[in-house]
Amino acid sequence: MEENKSNQKQEKKTTKDMRLIVISFFLFGIGLVNFIMIYFANFMLIYLGVLGALSIAAGVELRVLKWWSFYLAVTTAMLQFVASLFTLLSSLLTAGSLNPSASTLVLNFVLLCWAVASIIATIILVISRSEFH
Protein backbone atom coordinates (compact mmCIF):
# COMPACT_ATOMS: atom_id res chain seq x y z
CA MET A 1 0.00 0.00 0.00
CA GLU A 2 2.86 2.39 0.82
CA GLU A 3 4.50 1.51 -2.48
CA ASN A 4 1.26 2.23 -4.35
CA LYS A 5 1.03 5.71 -2.75
CA SER A 6 4.65 6.36 -3.62
CA ASN A 7 4.03 5.39 -7.26
CA GLN A 8 0.97 7.66 -7.40
CA LYS A 9 2.98 10.59 -6.03
CA GLN A 10 5.74 9.95 -8.55
CA GLU A 11 3.24 9.82 -11.42
CA LYS A 12 1.68 13.05 -10.20
CA LYS A 13 5.06 14.81 -10.02
CA THR A 14 6.13 14.11 -13.61
CA THR A 15 4.43 15.55 -16.62
CA LYS A 16 2.50 13.42 -19.07
CA ASP A 17 1.19 16.28 -21.14
CA MET A 18 2.89 16.30 -24.53
CA ARG A 19 2.55 20.09 -24.84
CA LEU A 20 4.61 20.65 -21.69
CA ILE A 21 7.23 18.15 -22.86
CA VAL A 22 7.56 20.03 -26.15
CA ILE A 23 7.83 23.37 -24.34
CA SER A 24 10.49 22.00 -21.99
CA PHE A 25 12.53 20.82 -25.00
CA PHE A 26 11.94 24.19 -26.69
CA LEU A 27 13.20 26.11 -23.66
CA PHE A 28 16.20 23.80 -23.26
CA GLY A 29 17.04 24.01 -26.96
CA ILE A 30 16.65 27.76 -27.19
CA GLY A 31 18.87 28.08 -24.12
CA LEU A 32 21.59 26.16 -25.96
CA VAL A 33 21.06 28.34 -29.03
CA ASN A 34 21.47 31.42 -26.84
CA PHE A 35 24.87 30.13 -25.72
CA ILE A 36 25.86 29.49 -29.34
CA MET A 37 24.76 33.01 -30.27
CA ILE A 38 26.78 34.56 -27.46
CA TYR A 39 29.84 32.61 -28.64
CA PHE A 40 29.51 33.90 -32.21
CA ALA A 41 28.95 37.44 -30.90
CA ASN A 42 32.37 37.27 -29.18
CA PHE A 43 30.74 37.19 -25.74
CA MET A 44 29.40 40.72 -26.16
CA LEU A 45 25.72 39.85 -25.64
CA ILE A 46 25.81 38.98 -21.94
CA TYR A 47 22.02 39.06 -21.65
CA LEU A 48 21.82 36.05 -23.97
CA GLY A 49 24.06 34.08 -21.61
CA VAL A 50 21.84 34.86 -18.63
CA LEU A 51 18.72 34.13 -20.66
CA GLY A 52 20.24 30.89 -21.92
CA ALA A 53 20.99 29.72 -18.38
CA LEU A 54 17.45 30.60 -17.27
CA SER A 55 15.97 28.81 -20.29
CA ILE A 56 17.95 25.64 -19.66
CA ALA A 57 16.95 25.66 -15.98
CA ALA A 58 13.30 26.24 -16.90
CA GLY A 59 13.35 23.48 -19.52
CA VAL A 60 14.81 20.95 -17.10
CA GLU A 61 12.60 21.85 -14.15
CA LEU A 62 9.44 22.05 -16.24
CA ARG A 63 9.56 18.27 -16.62
CA VAL A 64 9.33 17.84 -12.83
CA LEU A 65 6.35 20.21 -12.47
CA LYS A 66 7.68 22.13 -9.49
CA TRP A 67 5.44 25.03 -8.48
CA TRP A 68 8.15 27.57 -9.19
CA SER A 69 9.08 26.05 -12.56
CA PHE A 70 5.84 27.39 -14.02
CA TYR A 71 6.75 30.95 -13.10
CA LEU A 72 10.33 30.53 -14.29
CA ALA A 73 9.17 29.04 -17.60
CA VAL A 74 6.59 31.77 -18.25
CA THR A 75 9.05 34.52 -17.37
CA THR A 76 11.75 32.95 -19.50
CA ALA A 77 9.42 32.47 -22.48
CA MET A 78 8.35 36.11 -22.30
CA LEU A 79 11.98 37.24 -22.04
CA GLN A 80 12.81 35.04 -25.04
CA PHE A 81 10.07 36.86 -26.96
CA VAL A 82 11.54 40.24 -26.06
CA ALA A 83 15.06 39.10 -26.92
CA SER A 84 13.93 37.71 -30.28
CA LEU A 85 12.15 40.95 -31.19
CA PHE A 86 15.16 43.00 -30.09
CA THR A 87 17.49 40.85 -32.18
CA LEU A 88 15.10 40.96 -35.16
CA LEU A 89 14.88 44.73 -34.95
CA SER A 90 18.67 45.00 -34.76
CA SER A 91 19.00 42.74 -37.78
CA LEU A 92 16.47 44.72 -39.77
CA LEU A 93 18.14 48.04 -38.95
CA THR A 94 21.77 47.03 -39.47
CA ALA A 95 21.97 44.10 -41.87
CA GLY A 96 21.22 45.88 -45.13
CA SER A 97 17.46 46.00 -44.94
CA LEU A 98 17.26 47.99 -48.17
CA ASN A 99 19.00 45.27 -50.19
CA PRO A 100 18.94 42.07 -48.09
CA SER A 101 20.86 38.96 -49.00
CA ALA A 102 19.48 35.44 -48.81
CA SER A 103 21.26 34.76 -45.52
CA THR A 104 19.80 37.93 -43.99
CA LEU A 105 16.31 36.92 -45.06
CA VAL A 106 16.79 33.45 -43.54
CA LEU A 107 18.11 34.97 -40.31
CA ASN A 108 15.13 37.33 -40.08
CA PHE A 109 12.71 34.48 -40.75
CA VAL A 110 14.31 32.35 -38.02
CA LEU A 111 14.14 35.27 -35.59
CA LEU A 112 10.47 35.78 -36.43
CA CYS A 113 9.81 32.06 -35.85
CA TRP A 114 11.65 32.34 -32.51
CA ALA A 115 9.34 35.19 -31.49
CA VAL A 116 6.18 33.34 -32.53
CA ALA A 117 7.29 30.12 -30.80
CA SER A 118 8.00 32.05 -27.61
CA ILE A 119 4.51 33.56 -27.60
CA ILE A 120 2.92 30.18 -28.29
CA ALA A 121 4.96 28.62 -25.46
CA THR A 122 3.81 31.34 -23.08
CA ILE A 123 0.16 30.86 -24.01
CA ILE A 124 0.35 27.07 -23.62
CA LEU A 125 2.07 27.42 -20.25
CA VAL A 126 -0.63 29.78 -19.00
CA ILE A 127 -3.34 27.39 -20.22
CA SER A 128 -1.58 24.45 -18.49
CA ARG A 129 -1.14 26.28 -15.19
CA SER A 130 -3.35 23.82 -13.30
CA GLU A 131 -0.75 21.07 -13.89
CA PHE A 132 1.64 22.82 -11.49
CA HIS A 133 -0.54 23.17 -8.41
C-alpha atoms as a PDB file:
ATOM      1  CA  MET A   1       0.000   0.000   0.000  1.00  0.00           C
ATOM      2  CA  GLU A   2       2.861   2.390   0.818  1.00  0.00           C
ATOM      3  CA  GLU A   3       4.500   1.507  -2.479  1.00  0.00           C
ATOM      4  CA  ASN A   4       1.257   2.233  -4.348  1.00  0.00           C
ATOM      5  CA  LYS A   5       1.028   5.708  -2.754  1.00  0.00           C
ATOM      6  CA  SER A   6       4.654   6.359  -3.617  1.00  0.00           C
ATOM      7  CA  ASN A   7       4.025   5.393  -7.260  1.00  0.00           C
ATOM      8  CA  GLN A   8       0.974   7.664  -7.402  1.00  0.00           C
ATOM      9  CA  LYS A   9       2.981  10.585  -6.030  1.00  0.00           C
ATOM     10  CA  GLN A  10       5.744   9.949  -8.546  1.00  0.00           C
ATOM     11  CA  GLU A  11       3.236   9.824 -11.415  1.00  0.00           C
ATOM     12  CA  LYS A  12       1.680  13.046 -10.197  1.00  0.00           C
ATOM     13  CA  LYS A  13       5.063  14.813 -10.015  1.00  0.00           C
ATOM     14  CA  THR A  14       6.129  14.112 -13.611  1.00  0.00           C
ATOM     15  CA  THR A  15       4.426  15.546 -16.621  1.00  0.00           C
ATOM     16  CA  LYS A  16       2.505  13.416 -19.068  1.00  0.00           C
ATOM     17  CA  ASP A  17       1.191  16.283 -21.142  1.00  0.00           C
ATOM     18  CA  MET A  18       2.894  16.305 -24.527  1.00  0.00           C
ATOM     19  CA  ARG A  19       2.554  20.086 -24.836  1.00  0.00           C
ATOM     20  CA  LEU A  20       4.615  20.650 -21.687  1.00  0.00           C
ATOM     21  CA  ILE A  21       7.226  18.154 -22.859  1.00  0.00           C
ATOM     22  CA  VAL A  22       7.564  20.026 -26.154  1.00  0.00           C
ATOM     23  CA  ILE A  23       7.828  23.371 -24.335  1.00  0.00           C
ATOM     24  CA  SER A  24      10.490  21.996 -21.993  1.00  0.00           C
ATOM     25  CA  PHE A  25      12.526  20.819 -24.998  1.00  0.00           C
ATOM     26  CA  PHE A  26      11.943  24.186 -26.691  1.00  0.00           C
ATOM     27  CA  LEU A  27      13.200  26.110 -23.664  1.00  0.00           C
ATOM     28  CA  PHE A  28      16.200  23.802 -23.258  1.00  0.00           C
ATOM     29  CA  GLY A  29      17.038  24.007 -26.956  1.00  0.00           C
ATOM     30  CA  ILE A  30      16.649  27.761 -27.190  1.00  0.00           C
ATOM     31  CA  GLY A  31      18.870  28.077 -24.125  1.00  0.00           C
ATOM     32  CA  LEU A  32      21.589  26.160 -25.957  1.00  0.00           C
ATOM     33  CA  VAL A  33      21.061  28.344 -29.030  1.00  0.00           C
ATOM     34  CA  ASN A  34      21.473  31.424 -26.837  1.00  0.00           C
ATOM     35  CA  PHE A  35      24.874  30.129 -25.722  1.00  0.00           C
ATOM     36  CA  ILE A  36      25.859  29.488 -29.341  1.00  0.00           C
ATOM     37  CA  MET A  37      24.765  33.006 -30.269  1.00  0.00           C
ATOM     38  CA  ILE A  38      26.777  34.556 -27.462  1.00  0.00           C
ATOM     39  CA  TYR A  39      29.836  32.614 -28.639  1.00  0.00           C
ATOM     40  CA  PHE A  40      29.508  33.901 -32.208  1.00  0.00           C
ATOM     41  CA  ALA A  41      28.954  37.439 -30.903  1.00  0.00           C
ATOM     42  CA  ASN A  42      32.373  37.270 -29.184  1.00  0.00           C
ATOM     43  CA  PHE A  43      30.742  37.195 -25.736  1.00  0.00           C
ATOM     44  CA  MET A  44      29.403  40.721 -26.162  1.00  0.00           C
ATOM     45  CA  LEU A  45      25.724  39.846 -25.643  1.00  0.00           C
ATOM     46  CA  ILE A  46      25.809  38.983 -21.942  1.00  0.00           C
ATOM     47  CA  TYR A  47      22.016  39.064 -21.650  1.00  0.00           C
ATOM     48  CA  LEU A  48      21.820  36.048 -23.967  1.00  0.00           C
ATOM     49  CA  GLY A  49      24.059  34.078 -21.613  1.00  0.00           C
ATOM     50  CA  VAL A  50      21.839  34.862 -18.633  1.00  0.00           C
ATOM     51  CA  LEU A  51      18.721  34.134 -20.658  1.00  0.00           C
ATOM     52  CA  GLY A  52      20.243  30.889 -21.922  1.00  0.00           C
ATOM     53  CA  ALA A  53      20.987  29.719 -18.379  1.00  0.00           C
ATOM     54  CA  LEU A  54      17.449  30.599 -17.268  1.00  0.00           C
ATOM     55  CA  SER A  55      15.967  28.811 -20.287  1.00  0.00           C
ATOM     56  CA  ILE A  56      17.947  25.637 -19.656  1.00  0.00           C
ATOM     57  CA  ALA A  57      16.947  25.660 -15.982  1.00  0.00           C
ATOM     58  CA  ALA A  58      13.297  26.244 -16.899  1.00  0.00           C
ATOM     59  CA  GLY A  59      13.353  23.482 -19.516  1.00  0.00           C
ATOM     60  CA  VAL A  60      14.814  20.955 -17.099  1.00  0.00           C
ATOM     61  CA  GLU A  61      12.601  21.850 -14.146  1.00  0.00           C
ATOM     62  CA  LEU A  62       9.438  22.051 -16.245  1.00  0.00           C
ATOM     63  CA  ARG A  63       9.558  18.273 -16.617  1.00  0.00           C
ATOM     64  CA  VAL A  64       9.332  17.836 -12.834  1.00  0.00           C
ATOM     65  CA  LEU A  65       6.354  20.208 -12.466  1.00  0.00           C
ATOM     66  CA  LYS A  66       7.677  22.134  -9.492  1.00  0.00           C
ATOM     67  CA  TRP A  67       5.436  25.034  -8.475  1.00  0.00           C
ATOM     68  CA  TRP A  68       8.152  27.571  -9.193  1.00  0.00           C
ATOM     69  CA  SER A  69       9.082  26.048 -12.564  1.00  0.00           C
ATOM     70  CA  PHE A  70       5.835  27.386 -14.017  1.00  0.00           C
ATOM     71  CA  TYR A  71       6.753  30.953 -13.096  1.00  0.00           C
ATOM     72  CA  LEU A  72      10.332  30.526 -14.286  1.00  0.00           C
ATOM     73  CA  ALA A  73       9.170  29.044 -17.603  1.00  0.00           C
ATOM     74  CA  VAL A  74       6.589  31.767 -18.251  1.00  0.00           C
ATOM     75  CA  THR A  75       9.051  34.524 -17.374  1.00  0.00           C
ATOM     76  CA  THR A  76      11.753  32.948 -19.504  1.00  0.00           C
ATOM     77  CA  ALA A  77       9.421  32.468 -22.480  1.00  0.00           C
ATOM     78  CA  MET A  78       8.348  36.115 -22.301  1.00  0.00           C
ATOM     79  CA  LEU A  79      11.980  37.242 -22.041  1.00  0.00           C
ATOM     80  CA  GLN A  80      12.805  35.042 -25.043  1.00  0.00           C
ATOM     81  CA  PHE A  81      10.067  36.855 -26.964  1.00  0.00           C
ATOM     82  CA  VAL A  82      11.537  40.245 -26.064  1.00  0.00           C
ATOM     83  CA  ALA A  83      15.064  39.100 -26.923  1.00  0.00           C
ATOM     84  CA  SER A  84      13.927  37.714 -30.276  1.00  0.00           C
ATOM     85  CA  LEU A  85      12.154  40.947 -31.187  1.00  0.00           C
ATOM     86  CA  PHE A  86      15.162  42.998 -30.091  1.00  0.00           C
ATOM     87  CA  THR A  87      17.489  40.849 -32.180  1.00  0.00           C
ATOM     88  CA  LEU A  88      15.104  40.962 -35.162  1.00  0.00           C
ATOM     89  CA  LEU A  89      14.878  44.730 -34.947  1.00  0.00           C
ATOM     90  CA  SER A  90      18.674  44.995 -34.763  1.00  0.00           C
ATOM     91  CA  SER A  91      18.995  42.738 -37.780  1.00  0.00           C
ATOM     92  CA  LEU A  92      16.474  44.723 -39.769  1.00  0.00           C
ATOM     93  CA  LEU A  93      18.135  48.037 -38.955  1.00  0.00           C
ATOM     94  CA  THR A  94      21.765  47.027 -39.473  1.00  0.00           C
ATOM     95  CA  ALA A  95      21.974  44.096 -41.872  1.00  0.00           C
ATOM     96  CA  GLY A  96      21.217  45.880 -45.127  1.00  0.00           C
ATOM     97  CA  SER A  97      17.457  46.003 -44.941  1.00  0.00           C
ATOM     98  CA  LEU A  98      17.261  47.987 -48.175  1.00  0.00           C
ATOM     99  CA  ASN A  99      19.005  45.266 -50.186  1.00  0.00           C
ATOM    100  CA  PRO A 100      18.937  42.072 -48.093  1.00  0.00           C
ATOM    101  CA  SER A 101      20.862  38.961 -49.003  1.00  0.00           C
ATOM    102  CA  ALA A 102      19.477  35.444 -48.813  1.00  0.00           C
ATOM    103  CA  SER A 103      21.263  34.765 -45.518  1.00  0.00           C
ATOM    104  CA  THR A 104      19.801  37.933 -43.986  1.00  0.00           C
ATOM    105  CA  LEU A 105      16.313  36.917 -45.057  1.00  0.00           C
ATOM    106  CA  VAL A 106      16.787  33.446 -43.544  1.00  0.00           C
ATOM    107  CA  LEU A 107      18.106  34.969 -40.312  1.00  0.00           C
ATOM    108  CA  ASN A 108      15.132  37.335 -40.082  1.00  0.00           C
ATOM    109  CA  PHE A 109      12.712  34.480 -40.754  1.00  0.00           C
ATOM    110  CA  VAL A 110      14.311  32.352 -38.025  1.00  0.00           C
ATOM    111  CA  LEU A 111      14.140  35.269 -35.592  1.00  0.00           C
ATOM    112  CA  LEU A 112      10.471  35.781 -36.428  1.00  0.00           C
ATOM    113  CA  CYS A 113       9.813  32.056 -35.847  1.00  0.00           C
ATOM    114  CA  TRP A 114      11.650  32.344 -32.512  1.00  0.00           C
ATOM    115  CA  ALA A 115       9.338  35.193 -31.488  1.00  0.00           C
ATOM    116  CA  VAL A 116       6.178  33.344 -32.527  1.00  0.00           C
ATOM    117  CA  ALA A 117       7.287  30.124 -30.804  1.00  0.00           C
ATOM    118  CA  SER A 118       8.003  32.048 -27.605  1.00  0.00           C
ATOM    119  CA  ILE A 119       4.513  33.562 -27.596  1.00  0.00           C
ATOM    120  CA  ILE A 120       2.922  30.177 -28.287  1.00  0.00           C
ATOM    121  CA  ALA A 121       4.963  28.618 -25.458  1.00  0.00           C
ATOM    122  CA  THR A 122       3.814  31.342 -23.078  1.00  0.00           C
ATOM    123  CA  ILE A 123       0.159  30.855 -24.010  1.00  0.00           C
ATOM    124  CA  ILE A 124       0.352  27.070 -23.625  1.00  0.00           C
ATOM    125  CA  LEU A 125       2.066  27.423 -20.252  1.00  0.00           C
ATOM    126  CA  VAL A 126      -0.634  29.776 -19.000  1.00  0.00           C
ATOM    127  CA  ILE A 127      -3.340  27.391 -20.219  1.00  0.00           C
ATOM    128  CA  SER A 128      -1.583  24.453 -18.488  1.00  0.00           C
ATOM    129  CA  ARG A 129      -1.142  26.282 -15.189  1.00  0.00           C
ATOM    130  CA  SER A 130      -3.349  23.816 -13.297  1.00  0.00           C
ATOM    131  CA  GLU A 131      -0.752  21.072 -13.885  1.00  0.00           C
ATOM    132  CA  PHE A 132       1.636  22.823 -11.491  1.00  0.00           C
ATOM    133  CA  HIS A 133      -0.542  23.169  -8.406  1.00  0.00           C
END
